[in-house]
């Protein structure tokens, strides 16, 4: 998914609410991408730019559409990051400049490591009528930012059950269960799905900052309500929290050590200097082979937006 063609529909000016010294809450932004698909954007936000190396988080759907009217995101570039797609409902075809063609189905992960540069498309099959997914980006560390691009598909993720909650371990290790997904910093990603209304205590890494986002339903995190319109963030220092979930609720838990370096995130690129981002933009415009080609896509490539005069680094 791309950070282009982003039309903001709402953006609350409410300040984040501090529950205690470790927990803050802030509203999500609603936006429209592609063919009228509404998403909720949690990261980056003026309240919180990163959670560990997680630097971008969109919640798309759930949405239903006629056959042939699904998401169709044309060729666009990435660099300096990994794109991480967690499919909850529906299917999507990923095609990239490495020659990869991979259909992602529910409960699967697509991980594209952009490194020095890659381009890709995301297109719903003609027969598809549903979509519900979380799209995330992971900033690559300094020693991996220019690595060779690659693509990995994970058809199965480990699941463990506790207190009537199914925990799908997307990234990292949780409840003594490790995900096979290959990342380059210490990270955590877990999908929590409640089979019944329940309460459970979660052991956390106190070195990590954490974030909770509701993908379906609501929950209560250490006494603070989590809805589909806000995000709850825990700063480093908490080793345990209590979460209450309603039956059928699905919650995304992210975590990671605060990122090692300030980053610049612009359009679909992550870098360290404005000069390298500007160069990448020019190379995309001039169809430099840094980002390759996707020959069998019939529509136009996405155009790079105007480059800003100044940027603020995130960390």
C-alpha atoms as a PDB file:
ATOM      1  CA  UNK A   1       0.000   0.000   0.000  1.00  0.00           C
ATOM      2  CA  UNK A   2       1.179   3.495  -0.733  1.00  0.00           C
ATOM      3  CA  UNK A   3       1.243   6.717   1.232  1.00  0.00           C
ATOM      4  CA  UNK A   4       0.131   8.634  -1.876  1.00  0.00           C
ATOM      5  CA  UNK A   5      -3.356   9.802  -2.882  1.00  0.00           C
ATOM      6  CA  UNK A   6      -4.087  10.271   0.805  1.00  0.00           C
ATOM      7  CA  UNK A   7      -7.266  12.317   1.340  1.00  0.00           C
ATOM      8  CA  UNK A   8      -7.770  13.193   4.984  1.00  0.00           C
ATOM      9  CA  UNK A   9     -11.413  13.064   6.047  1.00  0.00           C
ATOM     10  CA  UNK A  10     -11.024  13.900   9.716  1.00  0.00           C
ATOM     11  CA  UNK A  11      -8.218  14.866  12.029  1.00  0.00           C
ATOM     12  CA  UNK A  12      -9.052  15.534  15.653  1.00  0.00           C
ATOM     13  CA  UNK A  13      -7.229  18.406  17.308  1.00  0.00           C
ATOM     14  CA  UNK A  14      -7.791  16.887  20.731  1.00  0.00           C
ATOM     15  CA  UNK A  15      -4.608  16.455  22.696  1.00  0.00           C
ATOM     16  CA  UNK A  16      -3.609  12.965  23.678  1.00  0.00           C
ATOM     17  CA  UNK A  17      -4.846  11.808  27.069  1.00  0.00           C
ATOM     18  CA  UNK A  18      -2.334  10.605  29.639  1.00  0.00           C
ATOM     19  CA  UNK A  19      -3.736   7.871  31.872  1.00  0.00           C
ATOM     20  CA  UNK A  20      -0.543   7.628  33.900  1.00  0.00           C
ATOM     21  CA  UNK A  21       3.141   8.190  33.305  1.00  0.00           C
ATOM     22  CA  UNK A  22       3.359   5.160  31.009  1.00  0.00           C
ATOM     23  CA  UNK A  23       0.121   5.251  28.973  1.00  0.00           C
ATOM     24  CA  UNK A  24      -1.178   7.745  26.437  1.00  0.00           C
ATOM     25  CA  UNK A  25      -4.142   7.661  24.071  1.00  0.00           C
ATOM     26  CA  UNK A  26      -4.695   9.551  20.840  1.00  0.00           C
ATOM     27  CA  UNK A  27      -7.319   9.601  18.064  1.00  0.00           C
ATOM     28  CA  UNK A  28      -6.860   7.947  14.685  1.00  0.00           C
ATOM     29  CA  UNK A  29      -7.308   9.758  11.383  1.00  0.00           C
ATOM     30  CA  UNK A  30      -9.806   8.583   8.786  1.00  0.00           C
ATOM     31  CA  UNK A  31      -8.683   8.730   5.171  1.00  0.00           C
ATOM     32  CA  UNK A  32      -9.621   7.549   1.697  1.00  0.00           C
ATOM     33  CA  UNK A  33      -7.249   5.635  -0.562  1.00  0.00           C
ATOM     34  CA  UNK A  34      -7.689   4.022  -3.942  1.00  0.00           C
ATOM     35  CA  UNK A  35     -11.260   3.462  -5.131  1.00  0.00           C
ATOM     36  CA  UNK A  36     -13.071   4.857  -2.093  1.00  0.00           C
ATOM     37  CA  UNK A  37     -11.511   2.509   0.449  1.00  0.00           C
ATOM     38  CA  UNK A  38     -11.648   4.084   3.909  1.00  0.00           C
ATOM     39  CA  UNK A  39      -8.719   3.487   6.227  1.00  0.00           C
ATOM     40  CA  UNK A  40      -7.849   4.453   9.791  1.00  0.00           C
ATOM     41  CA  UNK A  41      -4.279   5.735  10.100  1.00  0.00           C
ATOM     42  CA  UNK A  42      -2.508   5.394  13.451  1.00  0.00           C
ATOM     43  CA  UNK A  43       1.142   5.914  12.500  1.00  0.00           C
ATOM     44  CA  UNK A  44       2.745   8.265  11.833  1.00  0.00           C
ATOM     45  CA  UNK A  45       0.831  10.744  13.972  1.00  0.00           C
ATOM     46  CA  UNK A  46       1.683  14.093  15.487  1.00  0.00           C
ATOM     47  CA  UNK A  47       1.201  12.320  18.816  1.00  0.00           C
ATOM     48  CA  UNK A  48       3.453   9.351  18.058  1.00  0.00           C
ATOM     49  CA  UNK A  49       5.770   8.850  15.088  1.00  0.00           C
ATOM     50  CA  UNK A  50       7.128   5.354  15.704  1.00  0.00           C
ATOM     51  CA  UNK A  51       6.608   2.366  17.975  1.00  0.00           C
ATOM     52  CA  UNK A  52       9.987   0.675  17.903  1.00  0.00           C
ATOM     53  CA  UNK A  53      10.775   0.383  14.191  1.00  0.00           C
ATOM     54  CA  UNK A  54       7.058   0.308  13.284  1.00  0.00           C
ATOM     55  CA  UNK A  55       6.731   3.613  11.409  1.00  0.00           C
ATOM     56  CA  UNK A  56       3.417   3.278   9.530  1.00  0.00           C
ATOM     57  CA  UNK A  57       0.098   1.647  10.417  1.00  0.00           C
ATOM     58  CA  UNK A  58      -3.110   1.674   8.390  1.00  0.00           C
ATOM     59  CA  UNK A  59      -6.257  -0.295   9.199  1.00  0.00           C
ATOM     60  CA  UNK A  60      -8.202  -0.905   5.972  1.00  0.00           C
ATOM     61  CA  UNK A  61     -11.808  -2.080   6.127  1.00  0.00           C
ATOM     62  CA  UNK A  62     -13.718  -4.143   6.718  1.00  0.00           C
ATOM     63  CA  UNK A  63     -15.271  -3.141   3.405  1.00  0.00           C
ATOM     64  CA  UNK A  64     -17.552  -4.860   0.876  1.00  0.00           C
ATOM     65  CA  UNK A  65     -17.605  -3.900  -2.815  1.00  0.00           C
ATOM     66  CA  UNK A  66     -18.924  -5.227  -6.154  1.00  0.00           C
ATOM     67  CA  UNK A  67     -16.766  -7.637  -8.119  1.00  0.00           C
ATOM     68  CA  UNK A  68     -14.176  -5.727 -10.120  1.00  0.00           C
ATOM     69  CA  UNK A  69     -14.280  -2.659  -7.842  1.00  0.00           C
ATOM     70  CA  UNK A  70     -11.626  -3.714  -5.344  1.00  0.00           C
ATOM     71  CA  UNK A  71      -8.408  -1.921  -4.459  1.00  0.00           C
ATOM     72  CA  UNK A  72      -6.060  -1.336  -7.396  1.00  0.00           C
ATOM     73  CA  UNK A  73      -2.824   0.388  -6.396  1.00  0.00           C
ATOM     74  CA  UNK A  74      -0.569   0.925  -9.412  1.00  0.00           C
ATOM     75  CA  UNK A  75       3.235   0.665  -9.523  1.00  0.00           C
ATOM     76  CA  UNK A  76       4.897   2.689  -6.782  1.00  0.00           C
ATOM     77  CA  UNK A  77       8.345   2.610  -5.171  1.00  0.00           C
ATOM     78  CA  UNK A  78       9.652   1.942  -1.666  1.00  0.00           C
ATOM     79  CA  UNK A  79      13.063   2.217  -0.051  1.00  0.00           C
ATOM     80  CA  UNK A  80      14.571   1.955   3.428  1.00  0.00           C
ATOM     81  CA  UNK A  81      11.724  -0.088   4.906  1.00  0.00           C
ATOM     82  CA  UNK A  82       9.805  -3.346   5.004  1.00  0.00           C
ATOM     83  CA  UNK A  83       6.108  -3.443   4.099  1.00  0.00           C
ATOM     84  CA  UNK A  84       4.095  -5.848   6.253  1.00  0.00           C
ATOM     85  CA  UNK A  85       0.571  -6.901   5.256  1.00  0.00           C
ATOM     86  CA  UNK A  86      -1.654  -8.849   7.667  1.00  0.00           C
ATOM     87  CA  UNK A  87      -4.740 -10.035   5.779  1.00  0.00           C
ATOM     88  CA  UNK A  88      -7.854 -10.582   7.879  1.00  0.00           C
ATOM     89  CA  UNK A  89     -10.529 -10.936   5.195  1.00  0.00           C
ATOM     90  CA  UNK A  90     -10.396 -11.045   1.392  1.00  0.00           C
ATOM     91  CA  UNK A  91      -7.479 -11.581  -0.969  1.00  0.00           C
ATOM     92  CA  UNK A  92      -4.951  -9.332  -2.705  1.00  0.00           C
ATOM     93  CA  UNK A  93      -2.397  -9.953  -5.462  1.00  0.00           C
ATOM     94  CA  UNK A  94       1.092  -8.592  -4.848  1.00  0.00           C
ATOM     95  CA  UNK A  95       3.354  -8.110  -7.889  1.00  0.00           C
ATOM     96  CA  UNK A  96       6.808  -6.544  -7.651  1.00  0.00           C
ATOM     97  CA  UNK A  97       9.849  -5.570  -9.703  1.00  0.00           C
ATOM     98  CA  UNK A  98      11.702  -8.710  -8.578  1.00  0.00           C
ATOM     99  CA  UNK A  99       9.206 -10.743 -10.598  1.00  0.00           C
ATOM    100  CA  UNK A 100       7.204 -11.893  -7.561  1.00  0.00           C
ATOM    101  CA  UNK A 101       3.503 -12.658  -7.928  1.00  0.00           C
ATOM    102  CA  UNK A 102       1.863 -13.682  -4.666  1.00  0.00           C
ATOM    103  CA  UNK A 103      -1.785 -13.868  -3.663  1.00  0.00           C
ATOM    104  CA  UNK A 104      -2.292 -13.191   0.034  1.00  0.00           C
ATOM    105  CA  UNK A 105      -5.215 -14.837   1.827  1.00  0.00           C
ATOM    106  CA  UNK A 106      -6.706 -14.390   5.312  1.00  0.00           C
ATOM    107  CA  UNK A 107      -4.369 -15.158   8.239  1.00  0.00           C
ATOM    108  CA  UNK A 108      -1.303 -14.766   6.015  1.00  0.00           C
ATOM    109  CA  UNK A 109       1.524 -12.214   5.948  1.00  0.00           C
ATOM    110  CA  UNK A 110       3.323 -10.652   2.987  1.00  0.00           C
ATOM    111  CA  UNK A 111       6.664  -9.061   3.869  1.00  0.00           C
ATOM    112  CA  UNK A 112       8.433  -6.972   1.238  1.00  0.00           C
ATOM    113  CA  UNK A 113      11.901  -5.723   2.137  1.00  0.00           C
ATOM    114  CA  UNK A 114      12.535  -2.647   0.009  1.00  0.00           C
ATOM    115  CA  UNK A 115      16.121  -2.029   1.068  1.00  0.00           C
ATOM    116  CA  UNK A 116      17.864   0.060  -1.606  1.00  0.00           C
ATOM    117  CA  UNK A 117      14.762   0.101  -3.792  1.00  0.00           C
ATOM    118  CA  UNK A 118      11.798  -1.858  -5.162  1.00  0.00           C
ATOM    119  CA  UNK A 119       8.409  -1.166  -6.746  1.00  0.00           C
ATOM    120  CA  UNK A 120       5.172  -3.125  -6.552  1.00  0.00           C
ATOM    121  CA  UNK A 121       1.431  -3.190  -7.180  1.00  0.00           C
ATOM    122  CA  UNK A 122      -1.456  -4.365  -5.010  1.00  0.00           C
ATOM    123  CA  UNK A 123      -4.599  -5.424  -6.845  1.00  0.00           C
ATOM    124  CA  UNK A 124      -7.737  -7.187  -5.629  1.00  0.00           C
ATOM    125  CA  UNK A 125      -8.743 -10.114  -7.875  1.00  0.00           C
ATOM    126  CA  UNK A 126     -11.712  -9.455 -10.174  1.00  0.00           C
ATOM    127  CA  UNK A 127     -13.881 -11.893  -8.205  1.00  0.00           C
ATOM    128  CA  UNK A 128     -13.032 -10.425  -4.781  1.00  0.00           C
ATOM    129  CA  UNK A 129     -15.762  -8.564  -2.862  1.00  0.00           C
ATOM    130  CA  UNK A 130     -14.255  -8.089   0.628  1.00  0.00           C
ATOM    131  CA  UNK A 131     -11.188  -6.576   2.232  1.00  0.00           C
ATOM    132  CA  UNK A 132     -10.021  -6.247   5.811  1.00  0.00           C
ATOM    133  CA  UNK A 133      -6.309  -5.834   6.484  1.00  0.00           C
ATOM    134  CA  UNK A 134      -3.620  -4.101   8.491  1.00  0.00           C
ATOM    135  CA  UNK A 135      -0.789  -2.525   6.492  1.00  0.00           C
ATOM    136  CA  UNK A 136       2.394  -1.641   8.350  1.00  0.00           C
ATOM    137  CA  UNK A 137       5.876  -0.422   7.516  1.00  0.00           C
ATOM    138  CA  UNK A 138       9.048  -1.227   9.436  1.00  0.00           C
ATOM    139  CA  UNK A 139      11.996   1.178   9.253  1.00  0.00           C
ATOM    140  CA  UNK A 140      15.234  -0.623   8.443  1.00  0.00           C
ATOM    141  CA  UNK A 141      18.212   0.032  10.754  1.00  0.00           C
ATOM    142  CA  UNK A 142      21.282   1.921   9.565  1.00  0.00           C
ATOM    143  CA  UNK A 143      23.210  -1.204   8.567  1.00  0.00           C
ATOM    144  CA  UNK A 144      20.299  -2.640   6.535  1.00  0.00           C
ATOM    145  CA  UNK A 145      18.789   0.446   4.918  1.00  0.00           C
ATOM    146  CA  UNK A 146      20.538  -0.209   1.581  1.00  0.00           C
ATOM    147  CA  UNK A 147      20.278  -4.000   1.607  1.00  0.00           C
ATOM    148  CA  UNK A 148      19.167  -5.895  -1.487  1.00  0.00           C
ATOM    149  CA  UNK A 149      15.377  -6.029  -1.888  1.00  0.00           C
ATOM    150  CA  UNK A 150      13.509  -9.286  -1.311  1.00  0.00           C
ATOM    151  CA  UNK A 151      10.011 -10.661  -0.819  1.00  0.00           C
ATOM    152  CA  UNK A 152       8.757 -13.265   1.663  1.00  0.00           C
ATOM    153  CA  UNK A 153       5.334 -14.851   2.017  1.00  0.00           C
ATOM    154  CA  UNK A 154       4.233 -16.502   5.264  1.00  0.00           C
ATOM    155  CA  UNK A 155       1.195 -18.754   4.706  1.00  0.00           C
ATOM    156  CA  UNK A 156       0.923 -19.781   8.375  1.00  0.00           C
ATOM    157  CA  UNK A 157       1.650 -17.986  11.635  1.00  0.00           C
ATOM    158  CA  UNK A 158       1.824 -19.623  15.074  1.00  0.00           C
ATOM    159  CA  UNK A 159      -1.262 -19.371  17.290  1.00  0.00           C
ATOM    160  CA  UNK A 160      -1.422 -19.893  21.055  1.00  0.00           C
ATOM    161  CA  UNK A 161      -4.505 -19.697  23.285  1.00  0.00           C
ATOM    162  CA  UNK A 162      -4.787 -18.267  26.800  1.00  0.00           C
ATOM    163  CA  UNK A 163      -7.832 -17.125  28.799  1.00  0.00           C
ATOM    164  CA  UNK A 164     -10.195 -17.571  25.820  1.00  0.00           C
ATOM    165  CA  UNK A 165      -7.984 -15.375  23.622  1.00  0.00           C
ATOM    166  CA  UNK A 166      -6.242 -16.577  20.453  1.00  0.00           C
ATOM    167  CA  UNK A 167      -2.840 -14.926  20.080  1.00  0.00           C
ATOM    168  CA  UNK A 168      -1.421 -15.041  16.544  1.00  0.00           C
ATOM    169  CA  UNK A 169       2.272 -14.187  16.811  1.00  0.00           C
ATOM    170  CA  UNK A 170       2.975 -12.057  13.749  1.00  0.00           C
ATOM    171  CA  UNK A 171       6.464 -10.793  14.611  1.00  0.00           C
ATOM    172  CA  UNK A 172       8.889 -11.601  17.412  1.00  0.00           C
ATOM    173  CA  UNK A 173       8.215 -13.836  20.407  1.00  0.00           C
ATOM    174  CA  UNK A 174       5.177 -13.890  22.691  1.00  0.00           C
ATOM    175  CA  UNK A 175       3.947 -16.445  25.237  1.00  0.00           C
ATOM    176  CA  UNK A 176       7.059 -18.533  24.487  1.00  0.00           C
ATOM    177  CA  UNK A 177       5.985 -18.731  20.839  1.00  0.00           C
ATOM    178  CA  UNK A 178       8.138 -17.309  18.048  1.00  0.00           C
ATOM    179  CA  UNK A 179       7.063 -15.981  14.661  1.00  0.00           C
ATOM    180  CA  UNK A 180       9.018 -17.023  11.545  1.00  0.00           C
ATOM    181  CA  UNK A 181       8.737 -13.510  10.052  1.00  0.00           C
ATOM    182  CA  UNK A 182      12.239 -12.103   9.444  1.00  0.00           C
ATOM    183  CA  UNK A 183      12.805  -8.543  10.666  1.00  0.00           C
ATOM    184  CA  UNK A 184      15.992  -6.642  11.491  1.00  0.00           C
ATOM    185  CA  UNK A 185      15.273  -5.041  14.877  1.00  0.00           C
ATOM    186  CA  UNK A 186      13.736  -6.300  18.124  1.00  0.00           C
ATOM    187  CA  UNK A 187       9.998  -6.110  17.417  1.00  0.00           C
ATOM    188  CA  UNK A 188       6.683  -7.551  18.514  1.00  0.00           C
ATOM    189  CA  UNK A 189       3.446  -7.959  16.579  1.00  0.00           C
ATOM    190  CA  UNK A 190       0.477  -9.965  17.905  1.00  0.00           C
ATOM    191  CA  UNK A 191      -3.151 -10.354  16.798  1.00  0.00           C
ATOM    192  CA  UNK A 192      -5.441 -10.934  19.814  1.00  0.00           C
ATOM    193  CA  UNK A 193      -8.881 -12.383  19.037  1.00  0.00           C
ATOM    194  CA  UNK A 194     -11.316 -12.998  21.895  1.00  0.00           C
ATOM    195  CA  UNK A 195     -13.431 -16.150  21.612  1.00  0.00           C
ATOM    196  CA  UNK A 196     -15.528 -15.019  24.599  1.00  0.00           C
ATOM    197  CA  UNK A 197     -15.714 -11.894  26.720  1.00  0.00           C
ATOM    198  CA  UNK A 198     -12.682 -12.241  28.930  1.00  0.00           C
ATOM    199  CA  UNK A 199      -9.852 -10.622  30.855  1.00  0.00           C
ATOM    200  CA  UNK A 200      -6.189 -11.572  30.715  1.00  0.00           C
ATOM    201  CA  UNK A 201      -2.850 -10.281  31.945  1.00  0.00           C
ATOM    202  CA  UNK A 202      -0.032  -9.838  29.438  1.00  0.00           C
ATOM    203  CA  UNK A 203       3.655  -9.972  30.278  1.00  0.00           C
ATOM    204  CA  UNK A 204       5.535  -7.287  28.348  1.00  0.00           C
ATOM    205  CA  UNK A 205       9.173  -6.495  27.681  1.00  0.00           C
ATOM    206  CA  UNK A 206       9.787  -3.376  29.820  1.00  0.00           C
ATOM    207  CA  UNK A 207      12.450  -2.210  27.336  1.00  0.00           C
ATOM    208  CA  UNK A 208       9.793  -1.967  24.607  1.00  0.00           C
ATOM    209  CA  UNK A 209       7.275   0.731  23.839  1.00  0.00           C
ATOM    210  CA  UNK A 210       3.924  -0.808  22.864  1.00  0.00           C
ATOM    211  CA  UNK A 211       0.797   0.178  20.976  1.00  0.00           C
ATOM    212  CA  UNK A 212      -2.731  -1.272  20.894  1.00  0.00           C
ATOM    213  CA  UNK A 213      -5.134  -0.791  17.978  1.00  0.00           C
ATOM    214  CA  UNK A 214      -8.651  -2.260  17.700  1.00  0.00           C
ATOM    215  CA  UNK A 215      -9.202  -4.020  14.376  1.00  0.00           C
ATOM    216  CA  UNK A 216     -12.695  -5.147  15.374  1.00  0.00           C
ATOM    217  CA  UNK A 217     -14.692  -4.354  18.503  1.00  0.00           C
ATOM    218  CA  UNK A 218     -13.368  -2.768  21.682  1.00  0.00           C
ATOM    219  CA  UNK A 219     -11.188  -3.537  24.682  1.00  0.00           C
ATOM    220  CA  UNK A 220      -9.995  -2.013  27.945  1.00  0.00           C
ATOM    221  CA  UNK A 221      -6.222  -1.705  28.457  1.00  0.00           C
ATOM    222  CA  UNK A 222      -5.256  -1.135  32.100  1.00  0.00           C
ATOM    223  CA  UNK A 223      -8.592   0.573  32.685  1.00  0.00           C
ATOM    224  CA  UNK A 224      -8.465   2.661  29.506  1.00  0.00           C
ATOM    225  CA  UNK A 225     -11.012   2.076  26.724  1.00  0.00           C
ATOM    226  CA  UNK A 226      -9.676   1.116  23.300  1.00  0.00           C
ATOM    227  CA  UNK A 227     -12.031   1.608  20.343  1.00  0.00           C
ATOM    228  CA  UNK A 228     -11.690   1.524  16.557  1.00  0.00           C
ATOM    229  CA  UNK A 229     -11.120   5.297  16.659  1.00  0.00           C
ATOM    230  CA  UNK A 230      -8.129   5.574  18.971  1.00  0.00           C
ATOM    231  CA  UNK A 231      -4.758   4.050  19.796  1.00  0.00           C
ATOM    232  CA  UNK A 232      -3.334   3.314  23.222  1.00  0.00           C
ATOM    233  CA  UNK A 233       0.453   3.587  23.572  1.00  0.00           C
ATOM    234  CA  UNK A 234       2.557   2.295  26.463  1.00  0.00           C
ATOM    235  CA  UNK A 235       5.964   3.854  26.995  1.00  0.00           C
ATOM    236  CA  UNK A 236       8.911   1.663  28.110  1.00  0.00           C
ATOM    237  CA  UNK A 237       8.840   0.615  31.734  1.00  0.00           C
ATOM    238  CA  UNK A 238       5.697  -1.519  31.990  1.00  0.00           C
ATOM    239  CA  UNK A 239       6.273  -5.244  32.507  1.00  0.00           C
ATOM    240  CA  UNK A 240       2.626  -6.324  32.799  1.00  0.00           C
ATOM    241  CA  UNK A 241      -0.803  -5.013  31.839  1.00  0.00           C
ATOM    242  CA  UNK A 242      -4.384  -6.222  32.088  1.00  0.00           C
ATOM    243  CA  UNK A 243      -6.620  -6.218  29.039  1.00  0.00           C
ATOM    244  CA  UNK A 244     -10.356  -6.878  28.951  1.00  0.00           C
ATOM    245  CA  UNK A 245     -11.868  -7.938  25.635  1.00  0.00           C
ATOM    246  CA  UNK A 246     -15.440  -8.339  24.465  1.00  0.00           C
ATOM    247  CA  UNK A 247     -16.408 -11.499  22.582  1.00  0.00           C
ATOM    248  CA  UNK A 248     -15.273 -11.283  18.957  1.00  0.00           C
ATOM    249  CA  UNK A 249     -12.943  -8.338  19.516  1.00  0.00           C
ATOM    250  CA  UNK A 250      -9.709  -8.342  17.520  1.00  0.00           C
ATOM    251  CA  UNK A 251      -6.803  -6.236  18.780  1.00  0.00           C
ATOM    252  CA  UNK A 252      -3.401  -5.569  17.225  1.00  0.00           C
ATOM    253  CA  UNK A 253      -0.493  -5.309  19.670  1.00  0.00           C
ATOM    254  CA  UNK A 254       2.790  -3.798  18.462  1.00  0.00           C
ATOM    255  CA  UNK A 255       6.049  -3.353  20.329  1.00  0.00           C
ATOM    256  CA  UNK A 256       9.728  -2.637  19.963  1.00  0.00           C
ATOM    257  CA  UNK A 257      12.745  -0.961  21.471  1.00  0.00           C
ATOM    258  CA  UNK A 258      12.814   2.776  20.708  1.00  0.00           C
ATOM    259  CA  UNK A 259      14.422   3.071  17.272  1.00  0.00           C
ATOM    260  CA  UNK A 260      18.173   3.630  17.136  1.00  0.00           C
ATOM    261  CA  UNK A 261      18.236   6.612  14.758  1.00  0.00           C
ATOM    262  CA  UNK A 262      15.989   9.515  13.770  1.00  0.00           C
ATOM    263  CA  UNK A 263      14.344   8.785  10.422  1.00  0.00           C
ATOM    264  CA  UNK A 264      12.786  10.810   7.643  1.00  0.00           C
ATOM    265  CA  UNK A 265       9.567   9.323   6.272  1.00  0.00           C
ATOM    266  CA  UNK A 266       8.287  10.922   3.090  1.00  0.00           C
ATOM    267  CA  UNK A 267       5.796   9.450   0.610  1.00  0.00           C
ATOM    268  CA  UNK A 268       6.821   5.765   0.380  1.00  0.00           C
ATOM    269  CA  UNK A 269      10.450   6.241   1.391  1.00  0.00           C
ATOM    270  CA  UNK A 270      12.357   6.003   4.657  1.00  0.00           C
ATOM    271  CA  UNK A 271      15.774   7.654   4.789  1.00  0.00           C
ATOM    272  CA  UNK A 272      18.137   9.607   6.972  1.00  0.00           C
ATOM    273  CA  UNK A 273      18.681  12.765   4.878  1.00  0.00           C
ATOM    274  CA  UNK A 274      16.539  14.937   2.617  1.00  0.00           C
ATOM    275  CA  UNK A 275      19.155  14.560  -0.109  1.00  0.00           C
ATOM    276  CA  UNK A 276      18.735  10.795  -0.368  1.00  0.00           C
ATOM    277  CA  UNK A 277      14.941  11.102  -0.423  1.00  0.00           C
ATOM    278  CA  UNK A 278      15.094  13.783  -3.116  1.00  0.00           C
ATOM    279  CA  UNK A 279      17.430  11.610  -5.195  1.00  0.00           C
ATOM    280  CA  UNK A 280      15.071   8.632  -4.893  1.00  0.00           C
ATOM    281  CA  UNK A 281      12.146  10.804  -6.010  1.00  0.00           C
ATOM    282  CA  UNK A 282      14.071  11.993  -9.066  1.00  0.00           C
ATOM    283  CA  UNK A 283      15.066   8.431  -9.927  1.00  0.00           C
ATOM    284  CA  UNK A 284      11.444   7.280  -9.751  1.00  0.00           C
ATOM    285  CA  UNK A 285      10.299  10.165 -11.955  1.00  0.00           C
ATOM    286  CA  UNK A 286      13.057   9.421 -14.491  1.00  0.00           C
ATOM    287  CA  UNK A 287      12.268   5.671 -14.447  1.00  0.00           C
ATOM    288  CA  UNK A 288      15.727   4.790 -13.198  1.00  0.00           C
ATOM    289  CA  UNK A 289      16.247   1.036 -12.828  1.00  0.00           C
ATOM    290  CA  UNK A 290      16.842   1.427  -9.104  1.00  0.00           C
ATOM    291  CA  UNK A 291      13.135   0.653  -8.612  1.00  0.00           C
ATOM    292  CA  UNK A 292      12.729  -1.749 -11.537  1.00  0.00           C
ATOM    293  CA  UNK A 293       9.632  -2.292 -13.668  1.00  0.00           C
ATOM    294  CA  UNK A 294       6.335  -4.161 -13.517  1.00  0.00           C
ATOM    295  CA  UNK A 295       5.779  -4.855 -17.185  1.00  0.00           C
ATOM    296  CA  UNK A 296       2.391  -6.588 -17.090  1.00  0.00           C
ATOM    297  CA  UNK A 297       0.506  -3.863 -15.191  1.00  0.00           C
ATOM    298  CA  UNK A 298      -1.700  -2.024 -17.689  1.00  0.00           C
ATOM    299  CA  UNK A 299      -2.371   1.168 -15.738  1.00  0.00           C
ATOM    300  CA  UNK A 300      -0.132   4.173 -15.019  1.00  0.00           C
ATOM    301  CA  UNK A 301       2.625   4.363 -12.430  1.00  0.00           C
ATOM    302  CA  UNK A 302       1.871   6.491  -9.385  1.00  0.00           C
ATOM    303  CA  UNK A 303       3.337   9.975  -9.579  1.00  0.00           C
ATOM    304  CA  UNK A 304       5.622  11.272  -6.852  1.00  0.00           C
ATOM    305  CA  UNK A 305       4.231  14.290  -4.994  1.00  0.00           C
ATOM    306  CA  UNK A 306       6.048  17.611  -4.724  1.00  0.00           C
ATOM    307  CA  UNK A 307       9.086  17.492  -2.473  1.00  0.00           C
ATOM    308  CA  UNK A 308       8.872  19.590   0.724  1.00  0.00           C
ATOM    309  CA  UNK A 309      11.364  22.314   1.594  1.00  0.00           C
ATOM    310  CA  UNK A 310      11.843  21.068   5.143  1.00  0.00           C
ATOM    311  CA  UNK A 311      11.273  17.801   6.990  1.00  0.00           C
ATOM    312  CA  UNK A 312      11.192  16.860  10.643  1.00  0.00           C
ATOM    313  CA  UNK A 313      12.995  13.701  11.681  1.00  0.00           C
ATOM    314  CA  UNK A 314      11.037  11.092  13.645  1.00  0.00           C
ATOM    315  CA  UNK A 315      12.212   8.837  16.417  1.00  0.00           C
END
